């Protein structure tokens, strides 16, 4: 149902244009909006409205004012009373405009509920197509789901900024919410747009929210789908990308599902299997038990693609010092990081430990 405040703002605007006075009542005679307080007694007004509602006329002229019925789904929702010059003509026009506003609001509300149900897989396939047709939503259109996580729950400012970026200018996009922190953007993908373009779009959203809403956000998006029924898959991918980004790629604020690499594979492993892997490689130890200096050496060595000379230069240490540290790691783990296979095993182990720690925090 459309809010009373929206109705009041609409009536105020109509009064400014037409110059007439208006009152809007519910079918039982209860006033919900108006530009003035009627002079007649409250009981007589209610009786007059009730009689009019029970009658067959859609418009009724009574003295210097006109009553008009406003319908929603073929039911009387409101009665509009118009006072002043030419009240019948102005009243009919105003009733027509408010009814259209109600229809538009209802359609927007219905679309929002439809998109939410679609994302949560709460609809049968046949219902998706029939409802989409009724709401005039294209079923065959390239789309992708963005998940925008804000640092503040129910961030109304962030939601309005995203809507201003898309809803007003792109008719096939939808913005909704499904939980306390996430804003969901279902974005049309034009034929010429690629995943690189989607990453740029994510950067625009990120910059706008950081600047205007002063909100720290993370953005993730799924893969492009061709049909409306598949958009829930893109949404789930975006949610997964958001979680994986927090675990393995904390330095990224924009994460694409199709660029998750090993992170996606590890994320789908059972925790028990991860524990077995760590125990098999390191026994009772863990790769993150090393001191800060050793961990810094390992990470920098990986960053430089196992290049000893470049790593020692960036760490400002002698080459022989780096070799000594790598030998020390080999004695502790039986893995020589200068050997590609051992380096891959160690890198995966570091990622697996990150995943296990994340899952532990989720259990609490």
Protein backbone atom coordinates (compact mmCIF):
# COMPACT_ATOMS: atom_id res chain seq x y z
CA UNK A 1 0.00 0.00 0.00
CA UNK A 2 1.24 3.46 -0.88
CA UNK A 3 2.26 5.54 2.16
CA UNK A 4 0.15 8.39 3.51
CA UNK A 5 3.14 10.72 3.22
CA UNK A 6 3.41 10.09 -0.52
CA UNK A 7 -0.31 10.75 -0.90
CA UNK A 8 -0.03 13.96 1.15
CA UNK A 9 2.87 15.19 -0.98
CA UNK A 10 0.90 14.41 -4.14
CA UNK A 11 -2.18 16.30 -2.93
CA UNK A 12 -0.03 19.27 -1.93
CA UNK A 13 1.41 19.33 -5.44
CA UNK A 14 -2.00 19.13 -7.10
CA UNK A 15 -3.25 21.98 -4.93
CA UNK A 16 -0.29 24.15 -5.97
CA UNK A 17 -1.19 23.59 -9.63
CA UNK A 18 -5.02 23.68 -9.55
CA UNK A 19 -5.64 25.96 -6.57
CA UNK A 20 -8.38 23.71 -5.17
CA UNK A 21 -8.49 22.13 -1.72
CA UNK A 22 -8.41 18.35 -1.34
CA UNK A 23 -9.09 15.72 1.29
CA UNK A 24 -8.43 12.01 0.90
CA UNK A 25 -10.40 9.50 2.94
CA UNK A 26 -10.40 5.76 3.41
CA UNK A 27 -13.62 3.95 2.57
CA UNK A 28 -14.79 4.13 6.19
CA UNK A 29 -14.53 7.94 6.22
CA UNK A 30 -11.19 8.18 8.04
CA UNK A 31 -9.13 11.09 6.71
CA UNK A 32 -5.55 10.18 5.78
CA UNK A 33 -4.35 13.23 3.82
CA UNK A 34 -5.56 16.70 2.90
CA UNK A 35 -4.75 20.34 2.33
CA UNK A 36 -7.21 21.64 4.92
CA UNK A 37 -9.48 20.54 7.77
CA UNK A 38 -13.14 20.22 6.71
CA UNK A 39 -15.56 22.53 8.53
CA UNK A 40 -18.35 19.99 8.84
CA UNK A 41 -18.59 17.71 11.85
CA UNK A 42 -16.42 14.58 11.66
CA UNK A 43 -19.39 12.21 12.02
CA UNK A 44 -21.38 13.81 9.20
CA UNK A 45 -18.35 13.57 6.89
CA UNK A 46 -17.94 9.87 7.66
CA UNK A 47 -21.65 9.26 7.06
CA UNK A 48 -21.44 11.11 3.74
CA UNK A 49 -18.37 9.12 2.62
CA UNK A 50 -19.93 5.77 3.63
CA UNK A 51 -23.13 6.54 1.71
CA UNK A 52 -21.09 7.49 -1.36
CA UNK A 53 -18.99 4.31 -1.15
CA UNK A 54 -22.12 2.16 -0.97
CA UNK A 55 -23.62 3.91 -4.01
CA UNK A 56 -23.07 3.16 -7.70
CA UNK A 57 -21.65 6.54 -8.75
CA UNK A 58 -17.91 6.98 -9.21
CA UNK A 59 -18.20 10.78 -8.88
CA UNK A 60 -20.74 12.84 -6.96
CA UNK A 61 -21.13 16.63 -6.81
CA UNK A 62 -22.32 17.94 -3.43
CA UNK A 63 -22.56 21.71 -3.25
CA UNK A 64 -19.15 23.24 -3.80
CA UNK A 65 -17.20 19.98 -3.66
CA UNK A 66 -16.97 16.68 -5.56
CA UNK A 67 -16.43 13.16 -4.24
CA UNK A 68 -14.48 10.69 -6.41
CA UNK A 69 -13.79 6.99 -5.84
CA UNK A 70 -10.23 5.72 -6.26
CA UNK A 71 -9.86 2.03 -7.10
CA UNK A 72 -7.08 -0.49 -6.50
CA UNK A 73 -7.49 -4.02 -7.89
CA UNK A 74 -11.15 -3.22 -8.64
CA UNK A 75 -11.77 -2.39 -4.98
CA UNK A 76 -12.47 1.08 -3.56
CA UNK A 77 -9.28 2.15 -1.83
CA UNK A 78 -9.92 5.86 -1.20
CA UNK A 79 -12.41 8.67 -1.67
CA UNK A 80 -11.10 12.03 -2.86
CA UNK A 81 -13.02 15.16 -1.92
CA UNK A 82 -12.28 18.23 -4.08
CA UNK A 83 -13.33 21.73 -2.97
CA UNK A 84 -13.36 24.92 -4.95
CA UNK A 85 -14.05 26.21 -8.45
CA UNK A 86 -14.79 23.66 -11.17
CA UNK A 87 -14.51 20.93 -8.52
CA UNK A 88 -16.01 18.16 -10.70
CA UNK A 89 -13.50 18.54 -13.53
CA UNK A 90 -10.52 19.11 -11.22
CA UNK A 91 -11.65 16.26 -8.96
CA UNK A 92 -11.90 13.77 -11.84
CA UNK A 93 -8.48 14.74 -13.16
CA UNK A 94 -6.90 14.53 -9.70
CA UNK A 95 -8.50 11.16 -8.98
CA UNK A 96 -7.19 9.84 -12.30
CA UNK A 97 -3.64 11.01 -11.50
CA UNK A 98 -3.63 9.58 -7.97
CA UNK A 99 -4.97 6.24 -9.23
CA UNK A 100 -2.12 6.07 -11.75
CA UNK A 101 0.34 6.87 -8.98
CA UNK A 102 -1.09 3.99 -6.96
CA UNK A 103 -0.77 1.63 -9.93
CA UNK A 104 2.85 2.65 -10.51
CA UNK A 105 3.66 2.22 -6.82
CA UNK A 106 1.97 -1.18 -6.73
CA UNK A 107 3.86 -2.29 -9.84
CA UNK A 108 7.16 -1.21 -8.31
CA UNK A 109 6.32 -3.06 -5.09
CA UNK A 110 5.29 -6.18 -7.01
CA UNK A 111 8.49 -6.10 -9.08
CA UNK A 112 10.59 -5.82 -5.94
CA UNK A 113 8.86 -8.82 -4.36
CA UNK A 114 9.18 -10.76 -7.62
CA UNK A 115 12.93 -10.13 -7.84
CA UNK A 116 13.43 -11.13 -4.20
CA UNK A 117 11.50 -14.38 -4.68
CA UNK A 118 13.49 -15.04 -7.83
CA UNK A 119 16.82 -14.57 -6.05
CA UNK A 120 15.81 -16.84 -3.19
CA UNK A 121 14.52 -19.59 -5.55
CA UNK A 122 11.02 -19.30 -4.11
CA UNK A 123 9.21 -19.55 -7.46
CA UNK A 124 8.29 -22.34 -9.84
CA UNK A 125 9.54 -22.00 -13.40
CA UNK A 126 6.05 -21.55 -14.83
CA UNK A 127 5.31 -18.83 -12.26
CA UNK A 128 8.49 -16.96 -13.19
CA UNK A 129 7.42 -16.57 -16.81
CA UNK A 130 3.76 -15.77 -16.10
CA UNK A 131 4.60 -13.21 -13.40
CA UNK A 132 7.35 -11.62 -15.50
CA UNK A 133 4.90 -11.20 -18.38
CA UNK A 134 2.35 -9.59 -16.08
CA UNK A 135 4.98 -7.18 -14.70
CA UNK A 136 6.37 -6.49 -18.19
CA UNK A 137 9.85 -7.79 -17.35
CA UNK A 138 11.87 -9.24 -20.22
CA UNK A 139 12.75 -12.89 -19.62
CA UNK A 140 15.45 -13.14 -22.29
CA UNK A 141 17.99 -10.45 -21.52
CA UNK A 142 21.68 -10.57 -20.54
CA UNK A 143 21.91 -9.76 -16.84
CA UNK A 144 24.32 -10.12 -13.94
CA UNK A 145 23.88 -9.92 -10.17
CA UNK A 146 25.95 -7.53 -8.06
CA UNK A 147 26.08 -7.86 -4.28
CA UNK A 148 27.06 -4.62 -2.52
CA UNK A 149 27.88 -5.13 1.16
CA UNK A 150 27.84 -1.97 3.26
CA UNK A 151 29.47 -1.44 6.64
CA UNK A 152 26.19 -0.13 8.08
CA UNK A 153 23.03 -2.20 8.42
CA UNK A 154 20.06 -0.92 6.40
CA UNK A 155 22.14 1.85 4.84
CA UNK A 156 19.37 3.95 3.26
CA UNK A 157 21.82 6.50 1.83
CA UNK A 158 23.81 3.80 0.03
CA UNK A 159 20.61 2.26 -1.34
CA UNK A 160 19.42 5.59 -2.75
CA UNK A 161 22.79 6.24 -4.39
CA UNK A 162 22.71 2.87 -6.16
CA UNK A 163 19.13 3.54 -7.26
CA UNK A 164 20.09 6.96 -8.59
CA UNK A 165 22.89 5.37 -10.62
CA UNK A 166 20.69 2.75 -12.28
CA UNK A 167 16.95 2.85 -11.69
CA UNK A 168 16.30 6.22 -13.32
CA UNK A 169 18.28 5.67 -16.51
CA UNK A 170 18.30 1.90 -17.14
CA UNK A 171 14.82 0.40 -17.32
CA UNK A 172 15.92 -3.23 -17.21
CA UNK A 173 17.91 -2.95 -13.96
CA UNK A 174 16.52 -3.80 -10.52
CA UNK A 175 17.72 -2.79 -7.06
CA UNK A 176 16.53 -4.59 -3.94
CA UNK A 177 17.61 -5.88 -0.52
CA UNK A 178 17.41 -9.39 0.90
CA UNK A 179 19.16 -8.93 4.27
CA UNK A 180 20.45 -6.27 6.65
CA UNK A 181 23.70 -5.33 4.91
CA UNK A 182 23.52 -6.33 1.26
CA UNK A 183 22.15 -4.26 -1.60
CA UNK A 184 21.40 -6.38 -4.66
CA UNK A 185 21.72 -4.91 -8.14
CA UNK A 186 20.40 -6.94 -11.07
CA UNK A 187 22.11 -5.17 -13.96
CA UNK A 188 21.41 -5.45 -17.66
CA UNK A 189 24.54 -6.34 -19.62
CA UNK A 190 24.60 -4.80 -23.09
CA UNK A 191 25.78 -6.91 -26.01
CA UNK A 192 29.08 -5.02 -26.25
CA UNK A 193 29.89 -5.19 -22.52
CA UNK A 194 32.45 -7.63 -21.10
CA UNK A 195 33.49 -8.68 -17.60
CA UNK A 196 36.07 -5.90 -17.66
CA UNK A 197 33.23 -3.42 -18.17
CA UNK A 198 31.38 -4.94 -15.21
CA UNK A 199 34.47 -4.48 -13.06
CA UNK A 200 34.55 -0.82 -14.10
CA UNK A 201 30.86 -0.52 -13.17
CA UNK A 202 31.68 -2.00 -9.77
CA UNK A 203 34.45 0.58 -9.37
CA UNK A 204 31.96 3.39 -10.09
CA UNK A 205 29.58 2.04 -7.42
CA UNK A 206 32.46 1.68 -4.96
CA UNK A 207 33.74 5.22 -5.53
CA UNK A 208 30.27 6.75 -5.31
CA UNK A 209 29.42 5.04 -2.04
CA UNK A 210 32.81 5.75 -0.49
CA UNK A 211 32.56 9.42 -1.44
CA UNK A 212 28.89 10.33 -1.06
CA UNK A 213 27.57 7.84 1.51
CA UNK A 214 30.86 7.77 3.43
CA UNK A 215 30.39 4.03 3.68
CA UNK A 216 33.03 1.35 3.36
CA UNK A 217 31.70 -1.25 0.94
CA UNK A 218 32.68 -4.45 -0.81
CA UNK A 219 31.32 -5.28 -4.26
CA UNK A 220 31.08 -8.71 -5.88
CA UNK A 221 29.38 -9.94 -9.04
CA UNK A 222 28.53 -13.31 -10.58
CA UNK A 223 28.58 -14.56 -14.14
CA UNK A 224 26.42 -13.19 -16.94
CA UNK A 225 23.19 -15.12 -17.56
CA UNK A 226 21.00 -15.01 -20.64
CA UNK A 227 17.58 -15.69 -19.07
CA UNK A 228 15.75 -14.24 -16.10
CA UNK A 229 15.25 -17.66 -14.50
CA UNK A 230 19.03 -18.04 -14.11
CA UNK A 231 19.61 -14.77 -12.26
CA UNK A 232 19.47 -16.56 -8.89
CA UNK A 233 22.57 -18.51 -9.96
CA UNK A 234 24.44 -15.28 -10.68
CA UNK A 235 23.32 -13.95 -7.29
CA UNK A 236 24.62 -17.04 -5.45
CA UNK A 237 27.90 -16.74 -7.33
CA UNK A 238 28.21 -13.09 -6.28
CA UNK A 239 27.54 -14.03 -2.64
CA UNK A 240 30.18 -16.74 -2.84
CA UNK A 241 32.64 -14.32 -4.43
CA UNK A 242 32.03 -11.87 -1.58
CA UNK A 243 32.87 -14.53 1.02
CA UNK A 244 35.88 -15.86 -0.87
CA UNK A 245 37.19 -12.34 -1.34
CA UNK A 246 37.11 -11.77 2.43
CA UNK A 247 39.08 -14.96 3.04
CA UNK A 248 41.72 -14.97 0.33
CA UNK A 249 41.73 -11.56 -1.35
CA UNK A 250 41.20 -9.09 1.47
CA UNK A 251 43.12 -6.43 -0.46
CA UNK A 252 40.39 -6.37 -3.15
CA UNK A 253 37.22 -4.32 -2.78
CA UNK A 254 35.73 -5.64 -6.03
CA UNK A 255 35.62 -9.40 -6.58
CA UNK A 256 34.43 -11.20 -9.71
CA UNK A 257 33.26 -14.80 -9.49
CA UNK A 258 35.09 -15.72 -12.69
CA UNK A 259 38.43 -14.56 -11.19
CA UNK A 260 38.53 -16.46 -7.91
CA UNK A 261 41.17 -18.99 -8.93
CA UNK A 262 42.21 -21.47 -6.24
CA UNK A 263 40.07 -19.65 -3.71
CA UNK A 264 36.86 -20.99 -5.26
CA UNK A 265 38.20 -24.57 -5.21
CA UNK A 266 39.35 -24.44 -1.58
CA UNK A 267 36.13 -22.73 -0.44
CA UNK A 268 34.12 -25.76 -1.55
CA UNK A 269 36.25 -28.30 0.33
CA UNK A 270 34.93 -29.89 3.56
CA UNK A 271 36.78 -28.56 6.61
CA UNK A 272 37.65 -32.09 7.72
CA UNK A 273 39.42 -32.72 4.42
CA UNK A 274 41.35 -29.47 4.88
CA UNK A 275 42.51 -30.58 8.33
CA UNK A 276 43.69 -33.90 6.88
CA UNK A 277 45.65 -32.04 4.18
CA UNK A 278 47.40 -29.75 6.68
CA UNK A 279 48.25 -32.69 8.97
CA UNK A 280 49.56 -34.73 6.04
CA UNK A 281 51.90 -31.97 4.92
CA UNK A 282 52.99 -30.43 8.22
CA UNK A 283 52.21 -33.03 10.87
CA UNK A 284 51.15 -31.30 14.06
CA UNK A 285 52.32 -27.87 12.86
CA UNK A 286 50.63 -25.18 10.83
CA UNK A 287 52.22 -23.05 8.09
CA UNK A 288 51.13 -19.88 9.84
CA UNK A 289 52.97 -20.78 13.07
CA UNK A 290 56.15 -19.24 11.69
CA UNK A 291 57.42 -15.95 13.06
CA UNK A 292 56.60 -12.67 11.28
CA UNK A 293 60.00 -12.47 9.56
CA UNK A 294 59.67 -15.95 8.05
CA UNK A 295 56.11 -15.33 6.88
CA UNK A 296 57.16 -12.04 5.29
CA UNK A 297 59.98 -13.84 3.49
CA UNK A 298 57.62 -16.54 2.20
CA UNK A 299 55.00 -14.09 0.95
CA UNK A 300 57.57 -11.88 -0.76
CA UNK A 301 59.17 -14.94 -2.37
CA UNK A 302 55.79 -15.94 -3.82
CA UNK A 303 55.07 -12.38 -4.97
CA UNK A 304 58.30 -12.43 -6.98
CA UNK A 305 57.57 -15.79 -8.64
CA UNK A 306 60.24 -17.68 -6.64
CA UNK A 307 62.98 -15.30 -7.82
CA UNK A 308 65.72 -15.33 -5.15
CA UNK A 309 67.60 -12.27 -6.41
CA UNK A 310 64.55 -10.01 -6.70
CA UNK A 311 63.15 -11.16 -3.34
CA UNK A 312 66.43 -10.47 -1.50
CA UNK A 313 66.61 -7.03 -3.14
CA UNK A 314 63.07 -6.09 -2.05
CA UNK A 315 63.64 -7.40 1.48
CA UNK A 316 66.96 -5.48 1.66
CA UNK A 317 68.86 -8.60 2.68
CA UNK A 318 71.82 -10.44 1.20
CA UNK A 319 71.05 -13.28 -1.20
CA UNK A 320 72.80 -15.76 1.13
CA UNK A 321 70.57 -14.62 4.01
CA UNK A 322 67.49 -15.41 1.95
CA UNK A 323 68.92 -18.81 1.00
CA UNK A 324 69.56 -19.49 4.69
CA UNK A 325 65.93 -18.67 5.54
CA UNK A 326 64.62 -20.89 2.74
CA UNK A 327 66.84 -23.73 3.96
CA UNK A 328 65.46 -23.24 7.47
CA UNK A 329 61.88 -23.49 6.13
CA UNK A 330 62.81 -26.65 4.27
CA UNK A 331 64.14 -28.27 7.46
CA UNK A 332 60.95 -27.41 9.33
CA UNK A 333 58.47 -28.51 6.65
CA UNK A 334 60.37 -30.78 4.23
CA UNK A 335 59.27 -28.38 1.49
CA UNK A 336 61.80 -26.52 -0.64
CA UNK A 337 60.10 -23.34 -1.78
CA UNK A 338 62.61 -23.03 -4.64
CA UNK A 339 61.03 -26.15 -6.17
CA UNK A 340 57.81 -25.36 -8.02
CA UNK A 341 55.78 -28.35 -6.76
CA UNK A 342 56.75 -27.69 -3.14
CA UNK A 343 56.00 -23.98 -3.54
CA UNK A 344 52.51 -24.76 -4.89
CA UNK A 345 51.86 -27.14 -1.98
CA UNK A 346 52.94 -24.51 0.55
CA UNK A 347 50.89 -21.77 -1.13
CA UNK A 348 47.79 -23.94 -1.07
CA UNK A 349 48.43 -24.81 2.57
CA UNK A 350 48.48 -21.10 3.50
CA UNK A 351 45.15 -20.61 1.72
CA UNK A 352 43.63 -23.69 3.33
CA UNK A 353 44.60 -22.42 6.79
CA UNK A 354 42.95 -19.05 6.03
CA UNK A 355 39.80 -20.89 4.99
CA UNK A 356 39.78 -23.06 8.12
CA UNK A 357 40.16 -20.00 10.36
CA UNK A 358 37.30 -18.25 8.56
CA UNK A 359 35.05 -21.28 8.99
CA UNK A 360 35.91 -21.40 12.70
CA UNK A 361 34.75 -17.81 13.12
CA UNK A 362 31.51 -18.63 11.27
CA UNK A 363 30.77 -21.40 13.75
CA UNK A 364 30.65 -18.97 16.68
